[in-house]
Amino acid sequence: MARLTRLAEGAAARHAPPSSETRASLLTGQAEQSRIGGRPDAARWRAAVEVWDTIGFPYCAAYGRYRTGEAALASGDDAGAERELRAAWQAAQDLGARPLAGA
């Protein structure tokens, strides 16, 4: 996370747009930290997905949707979980990403 933070700070200093791979990676790392820490944060995952979608990285966005759904399920948001997991599954199917679709 320290390395991602430094990279994001450097990108910001160069006036990189907020929709950049560096920013998306930092947001994903922060979301992963919440998951690994046992308190998955759907809002953090949604923020990462938004940037991945904006810059056109469908696999990363699908993975983020999968984790958003997982976090929603953990918080008792069954409808949100279903929506995100269905979107993740469909994107994985479209990409031919069988391991992600299987997850």
C-alpha atoms as a PDB file:
ATOM      1  CA  MET A   1       0.000   0.000   0.000  1.00  0.00           C
ATOM      2  CA  ALA A   2       2.868   2.359   0.706  1.00  0.00           C
ATOM      3  CA  ARG A   3       4.162   1.861  -2.836  1.00  0.00           C
ATOM      4  CA  LEU A   4       0.721   2.389  -4.366  1.00  0.00           C
ATOM      5  CA  THR A   5       0.269   5.528  -2.287  1.00  0.00           C
ATOM      6  CA  ARG A   6       3.628   6.918  -3.441  1.00  0.00           C
ATOM      7  CA  LEU A   7       2.771   6.131  -7.074  1.00  0.00           C
ATOM      8  CA  ALA A   8      -0.628   7.816  -6.764  1.00  0.00           C
ATOM      9  CA  GLU A   9       0.924  10.871  -5.110  1.00  0.00           C
ATOM     10  CA  GLY A  10       3.489  11.081  -7.903  1.00  0.00           C
ATOM     11  CA  ALA A  11       0.782  10.809 -10.539  1.00  0.00           C
ATOM     12  CA  ALA A  12      -1.223  13.556  -8.821  1.00  0.00           C
ATOM     13  CA  ALA A  13       1.875  15.765  -8.702  1.00  0.00           C
ATOM     14  CA  ARG A  14       2.169  15.306 -12.479  1.00  0.00           C
ATOM     15  CA  HIS A  15      -1.509  16.304 -12.782  1.00  0.00           C
ATOM     16  CA  ALA A  16      -2.604  12.872 -13.913  1.00  0.00           C
ATOM     17  CA  PRO A  17      -6.362  12.603 -14.244  1.00  0.00           C
ATOM     18  CA  PRO A  18      -8.205  11.080 -11.283  1.00  0.00           C
ATOM     19  CA  SER A  19      -9.296   8.318 -13.664  1.00  0.00           C
ATOM     20  CA  SER A  20      -5.947   6.621 -14.064  1.00  0.00           C
ATOM     21  CA  GLU A  21      -4.592   3.106 -13.561  1.00  0.00           C
ATOM     22  CA  THR A  22      -2.584   4.365 -10.608  1.00  0.00           C
ATOM     23  CA  ARG A  23      -5.681   5.725  -8.881  1.00  0.00           C
ATOM     24  CA  ALA A  24      -7.708   2.604  -9.672  1.00  0.00           C
ATOM     25  CA  SER A  25      -4.932   0.414  -8.291  1.00  0.00           C
ATOM     26  CA  LEU A  26      -4.725   2.460  -5.096  1.00  0.00           C
ATOM     27  CA  LEU A  27      -8.489   2.267  -4.588  1.00  0.00           C
ATOM     28  CA  THR A  28      -8.409  -1.477  -5.226  1.00  0.00           C
ATOM     29  CA  GLY A  29      -5.596  -1.878  -2.706  1.00  0.00           C
ATOM     30  CA  GLN A  30      -7.552   0.047  -0.103  1.00  0.00           C
ATOM     31  CA  ALA A  31     -10.604  -2.115  -0.771  1.00  0.00           C
ATOM     32  CA  GLU A  32      -8.489  -5.266  -0.521  1.00  0.00           C
ATOM     33  CA  GLN A  33      -7.185  -4.074   2.840  1.00  0.00           C
ATOM     34  CA  SER A  34     -10.742  -3.829   4.133  1.00  0.00           C
ATOM     35  CA  ARG A  35     -11.457  -7.346   2.893  1.00  0.00           C
ATOM     36  CA  ILE A  36      -8.276  -8.842   4.309  1.00  0.00           C
ATOM     37  CA  GLY A  37      -8.953  -7.042   7.593  1.00  0.00           C
ATOM     38  CA  GLY A  38     -12.251  -8.881   7.892  1.00  0.00           C
ATOM     39  CA  ARG A  39     -14.484  -5.872   7.250  1.00  0.00           C
ATOM     40  CA  PRO A  40     -15.090  -5.767   3.492  1.00  0.00           C
ATOM     41  CA  ASP A  41     -16.200  -2.284   2.452  1.00  0.00           C
ATOM     42  CA  ALA A  42     -18.589  -2.222  -0.517  1.00  0.00           C
ATOM     43  CA  ALA A  43     -18.193   1.553  -0.911  1.00  0.00           C
ATOM     44  CA  ARG A  44     -14.436   1.191  -1.359  1.00  0.00           C
ATOM     45  CA  TRP A  45     -14.983  -1.504  -3.959  1.00  0.00           C
ATOM     46  CA  ARG A  46     -17.568   0.617  -5.803  1.00  0.00           C
ATOM     47  CA  ALA A  47     -15.091   3.510  -5.944  1.00  0.00           C
ATOM     48  CA  ALA A  48     -12.474   1.243  -7.512  1.00  0.00           C
ATOM     49  CA  VAL A  49     -14.985  -0.213  -9.980  1.00  0.00           C
ATOM     50  CA  GLU A  50     -16.022   3.270 -11.078  1.00  0.00           C
ATOM     51  CA  VAL A  51     -12.458   4.165 -12.035  1.00  0.00           C
ATOM     52  CA  TRP A  52     -11.772   0.795 -13.715  1.00  0.00           C
ATOM     53  CA  ASP A  53     -14.964   1.275 -15.767  1.00  0.00           C
ATOM     54  CA  THR A  54     -13.990   4.831 -16.685  1.00  0.00           C
ATOM     55  CA  ILE A  55     -10.567   3.828 -18.006  1.00  0.00           C
ATOM     56  CA  GLY A  56     -11.844   0.725 -19.778  1.00  0.00           C
ATOM     57  CA  PHE A  57     -10.439  -2.207 -17.797  1.00  0.00           C
ATOM     58  CA  PRO A  58     -13.361  -4.653 -17.850  1.00  0.00           C
ATOM     59  CA  TYR A  59     -11.632  -7.522 -16.046  1.00  0.00           C
ATOM     60  CA  CYS A  60     -10.548  -5.327 -13.133  1.00  0.00           C
ATOM     61  CA  ALA A  61     -14.045  -3.828 -12.978  1.00  0.00           C
ATOM     62  CA  ALA A  62     -15.602  -7.312 -12.978  1.00  0.00           C
ATOM     63  CA  TYR A  63     -13.296  -8.431 -10.168  1.00  0.00           C
ATOM     64  CA  GLY A  64     -14.246  -5.298  -8.231  1.00  0.00           C
ATOM     65  CA  ARG A  65     -17.930  -6.026  -8.762  1.00  0.00           C
ATOM     66  CA  TYR A  66     -17.393  -9.563  -7.468  1.00  0.00           C
ATOM     67  CA  ARG A  67     -15.789  -8.162  -4.317  1.00  0.00           C
ATOM     68  CA  THR A  68     -18.471  -5.463  -4.024  1.00  0.00           C
ATOM     69  CA  GLY A  69     -21.084  -8.197  -4.082  1.00  0.00           C
ATOM     70  CA  GLU A  70     -19.183 -10.168  -1.490  1.00  0.00           C
ATOM     71  CA  ALA A  71     -18.985  -7.093   0.765  1.00  0.00           C
ATOM     72  CA  ALA A  72     -22.676  -6.341   0.251  1.00  0.00           C
ATOM     73  CA  LEU A  73     -23.549  -9.903   1.200  1.00  0.00           C
ATOM     74  CA  ALA A  74     -21.423  -9.637   4.358  1.00  0.00           C
ATOM     75  CA  SER A  75     -23.297  -6.492   5.374  1.00  0.00           C
ATOM     76  CA  GLY A  76     -26.730  -8.046   4.807  1.00  0.00           C
ATOM     77  CA  ASP A  77     -27.483  -6.182   1.559  1.00  0.00           C
ATOM     78  CA  ASP A  78     -28.827  -9.171  -0.339  1.00  0.00           C
ATOM     79  CA  ALA A  79     -30.277  -7.141  -3.219  1.00  0.00           C
ATOM     80  CA  GLY A  80     -27.027  -5.233  -3.710  1.00  0.00           C
ATOM     81  CA  ALA A  81     -25.051  -8.453  -3.511  1.00  0.00           C
ATOM     82  CA  GLU A  82     -27.221 -10.119  -6.132  1.00  0.00           C
ATOM     83  CA  ARG A  83     -26.967  -7.131  -8.480  1.00  0.00           C
ATOM     84  CA  GLU A  84     -23.170  -6.899  -8.213  1.00  0.00           C
ATOM     85  CA  LEU A  85     -22.546 -10.635  -8.388  1.00  0.00           C
ATOM     86  CA  ARG A  86     -24.759 -11.004 -11.464  1.00  0.00           C
ATOM     87  CA  ALA A  87     -22.934  -8.115 -13.159  1.00  0.00           C
ATOM     88  CA  ALA A  88     -19.559  -9.615 -12.242  1.00  0.00           C
ATOM     89  CA  TRP A  89     -20.587 -13.041 -13.525  1.00  0.00           C
ATOM     90  CA  GLN A  90     -21.902 -11.631 -16.812  1.00  0.00           C
ATOM     91  CA  ALA A  91     -18.746  -9.593 -17.389  1.00  0.00           C
ATOM     92  CA  ALA A  92     -16.581 -12.612 -16.596  1.00  0.00           C
ATOM     93  CA  GLN A  93     -18.619 -14.715 -19.031  1.00  0.00           C
ATOM     94  CA  ASP A  94     -18.273 -12.049 -21.738  1.00  0.00           C
ATOM     95  CA  LEU A  95     -14.515 -11.902 -21.189  1.00  0.00           C
ATOM     96  CA  GLY A  96     -14.098 -15.677 -21.070  1.00  0.00           C
ATOM     97  CA  ALA A  97     -12.658 -15.327 -17.572  1.00  0.00           C
ATOM     98  CA  ARG A  98     -13.720 -18.749 -16.314  1.00  0.00           C
ATOM     99  CA  PRO A  99     -11.970 -18.629 -12.907  1.00  0.00           C
ATOM    100  CA  LEU A 100     -13.660 -15.312 -12.076  1.00  0.00           C
ATOM    101  CA  ALA A 101     -17.028 -16.533 -13.373  1.00  0.00           C
ATOM    102  CA  GLY A 102     -16.608 -19.662 -11.261  1.00  0.00           C
ATOM    103  CA  ALA A 103     -15.853 -17.649  -8.154  1.00  0.00           C
END
